């Protein structure tokens, strides 16, 4: 007896960061996560939060204030910021994504800037996809109502 094989098309779209192509899962399950990313990132950062609370940074960052800070404080602040950015990349594109991107582009400030652009671009793409989905469902509903009316 022959197997029944039915393909499934993943919901989502590619997102290219530099030379690295990632996949954004636009399923309902993942969209809930995407639109609550700050909350989810904060929850994952709970362990790092204790370290962040112990870091005392000056109100203004400049050459003088940086020179006055000890190296450990600078390293700790960098680690907390890096971890927060890593969590967001991993929440958006899946675990391990940040390490993959950071390995190719070891520049935390650039990756933080890109993250904001990614968030805006993905949100816009999701909005466009939702409009398209809505239009298709209106057409299907209309076609269904026409068929139903013609049967009477």
Protein backbone atom coordinates (compact mmCIF):
# COMPACT_ATOMS: atom_id res chain seq x y z
CA UNK A 1 0.00 0.00 0.00
CA UNK A 2 1.37 3.42 -0.97
CA UNK A 3 2.03 6.07 1.63
CA UNK A 4 0.03 9.25 1.62
CA UNK A 5 2.33 12.25 1.41
CA UNK A 6 1.05 15.73 1.94
CA UNK A 7 3.49 18.61 1.86
CA UNK A 8 3.33 21.47 4.27
CA UNK A 9 4.45 24.97 3.54
CA UNK A 10 6.15 26.70 6.43
CA UNK A 11 4.65 30.02 7.40
CA UNK A 12 7.26 32.74 7.32
CA UNK A 13 9.81 34.53 5.22
CA UNK A 14 13.58 34.93 4.92
CA UNK A 15 15.37 37.87 6.53
CA UNK A 16 18.89 38.62 5.38
CA UNK A 17 21.31 40.28 7.80
CA UNK A 18 24.51 40.99 5.95
CA UNK A 19 25.43 37.72 4.29
CA UNK A 20 23.41 35.58 6.70
CA UNK A 21 19.93 34.49 5.73
CA UNK A 22 17.60 33.78 8.63
CA UNK A 23 13.98 32.61 8.72
CA UNK A 24 11.20 34.49 10.47
CA UNK A 25 8.40 32.14 11.48
CA UNK A 26 5.16 34.09 10.98
CA UNK A 27 2.90 31.46 12.50
CA UNK A 28 0.31 32.71 15.00
CA UNK A 29 2.28 31.00 17.78
CA UNK A 30 5.47 32.84 16.91
CA UNK A 31 3.76 36.19 16.27
CA UNK A 32 2.44 36.18 19.83
CA UNK A 33 6.04 35.79 20.95
CA UNK A 34 7.32 38.47 18.53
CA UNK A 35 4.87 41.12 19.70
CA UNK A 36 5.76 40.42 23.34
CA UNK A 37 9.52 40.26 22.77
CA UNK A 38 10.47 42.88 25.36
CA UNK A 39 8.56 41.04 28.08
CA UNK A 40 9.95 37.65 27.06
CA UNK A 41 13.50 39.03 26.84
CA UNK A 42 13.16 40.55 30.31
CA UNK A 43 11.99 37.18 31.68
CA UNK A 44 14.97 35.40 30.14
CA UNK A 45 17.30 38.08 31.46
CA UNK A 46 16.31 37.46 35.07
CA UNK A 47 19.64 35.75 35.83
CA UNK A 48 21.63 38.59 34.30
CA UNK A 49 19.44 41.17 36.02
CA UNK A 50 21.25 40.71 39.33
CA UNK A 51 24.55 41.49 37.65
CA UNK A 52 22.99 44.52 35.94
CA UNK A 53 21.68 45.89 39.23
CA UNK A 54 25.18 45.86 40.69
CA UNK A 55 26.60 47.90 37.80
CA UNK A 56 26.80 51.59 38.56
CA UNK A 57 27.23 53.65 35.41
CA UNK A 58 27.66 57.41 35.25
CA UNK A 59 24.77 59.53 34.00
CA UNK A 60 26.83 60.63 31.02
CA UNK A 61 29.18 58.37 29.10
CA UNK A 62 32.21 60.12 27.68
CA UNK A 63 35.97 59.61 27.56
CA UNK A 64 36.49 60.98 31.07
CA UNK A 65 33.79 58.91 32.74
CA UNK A 66 34.88 55.76 30.92
CA UNK A 67 38.49 56.25 32.07
CA UNK A 68 37.23 56.61 35.65
CA UNK A 69 35.34 53.30 35.51
CA UNK A 70 37.09 50.05 36.38
CA UNK A 71 37.50 47.47 33.64
CA UNK A 72 35.25 44.92 35.37
CA UNK A 73 32.32 47.37 35.43
CA UNK A 74 32.76 48.05 31.71
CA UNK A 75 32.97 44.31 30.96
CA UNK A 76 29.89 43.59 33.08
CA UNK A 77 27.86 46.35 31.39
CA UNK A 78 28.92 45.06 27.98
CA UNK A 79 27.97 41.48 28.93
CA UNK A 80 24.51 42.49 30.13
CA UNK A 81 23.84 44.50 26.97
CA UNK A 82 25.16 41.71 24.76
CA UNK A 83 23.01 39.14 26.56
CA UNK A 84 19.89 41.29 26.14
CA UNK A 85 20.53 41.65 22.40
CA UNK A 86 21.31 37.92 22.08
CA UNK A 87 18.03 37.02 23.74
CA UNK A 88 16.09 39.19 21.31
CA UNK A 89 17.78 37.68 18.24
CA UNK A 90 17.12 34.19 19.59
CA UNK A 91 13.49 34.97 20.39
CA UNK A 92 12.88 36.39 16.91
CA UNK A 93 14.75 33.79 14.83
CA UNK A 94 15.30 30.82 17.14
CA UNK A 95 17.88 29.73 19.67
CA UNK A 96 21.49 30.01 18.54
CA UNK A 97 20.82 32.75 16.00
CA UNK A 98 22.72 35.46 17.84
CA UNK A 99 25.89 33.36 18.12
CA UNK A 100 25.70 32.60 14.39
CA UNK A 101 25.34 36.30 13.50
CA UNK A 102 27.86 37.51 16.11
CA UNK A 103 30.44 35.01 14.86
CA UNK A 104 30.25 36.58 11.40
CA UNK A 105 29.77 40.19 12.64
CA UNK A 106 31.37 40.63 16.07
CA UNK A 107 30.14 44.21 16.56
CA UNK A 108 27.52 44.48 19.27
CA UNK A 109 26.60 48.09 18.47
CA UNK A 110 26.02 47.29 14.79
CA UNK A 111 23.96 44.21 15.69
CA UNK A 112 21.90 46.26 18.12
CA UNK A 113 21.18 48.83 15.38
CA UNK A 114 20.28 46.06 12.93
CA UNK A 115 17.95 44.51 15.52
CA UNK A 116 15.84 47.67 15.58
CA UNK A 117 15.68 47.71 11.77
CA UNK A 118 14.76 44.02 11.73
CA UNK A 119 11.96 44.59 14.22
CA UNK A 120 10.48 47.40 12.14
CA UNK A 121 10.84 45.55 8.83
CA UNK A 122 9.37 42.31 10.22
CA UNK A 123 6.44 44.16 11.80
CA UNK A 124 5.71 45.87 8.46
CA UNK A 125 5.95 42.58 6.54
CA UNK A 126 3.63 40.86 9.04
CA UNK A 127 1.14 43.72 8.69
CA UNK A 128 1.26 43.43 4.88
CA UNK A 129 0.79 39.65 5.10
CA UNK A 130 -2.20 40.11 7.41
CA UNK A 131 -3.83 42.52 4.94
CA UNK A 132 -3.27 40.01 2.13
CA UNK A 133 -4.65 37.15 4.26
CA UNK A 134 -7.71 39.23 5.12
CA UNK A 135 -8.35 40.08 1.46
CA UNK A 136 -8.10 36.40 0.51
CA UNK A 137 -10.51 35.38 3.26
CA UNK A 138 -13.01 38.03 2.12
CA UNK A 139 -12.83 36.66 -1.44
CA UNK A 140 -13.26 33.07 -0.18
CA UNK A 141 -16.23 34.09 1.96
CA UNK A 142 -17.79 35.92 -0.98
CA UNK A 143 -17.26 32.93 -3.28
CA UNK A 144 -18.76 30.61 -0.68
CA UNK A 145 -21.83 32.83 -0.26
CA UNK A 146 -22.28 33.01 -4.06
CA UNK A 147 -22.13 29.20 -4.35
CA UNK A 148 -24.56 28.82 -1.49
CA UNK A 149 -26.98 31.34 -3.06
CA UNK A 150 -26.78 29.64 -6.49
CA UNK A 151 -27.79 26.28 -4.96
CA UNK A 152 -31.11 27.70 -3.78
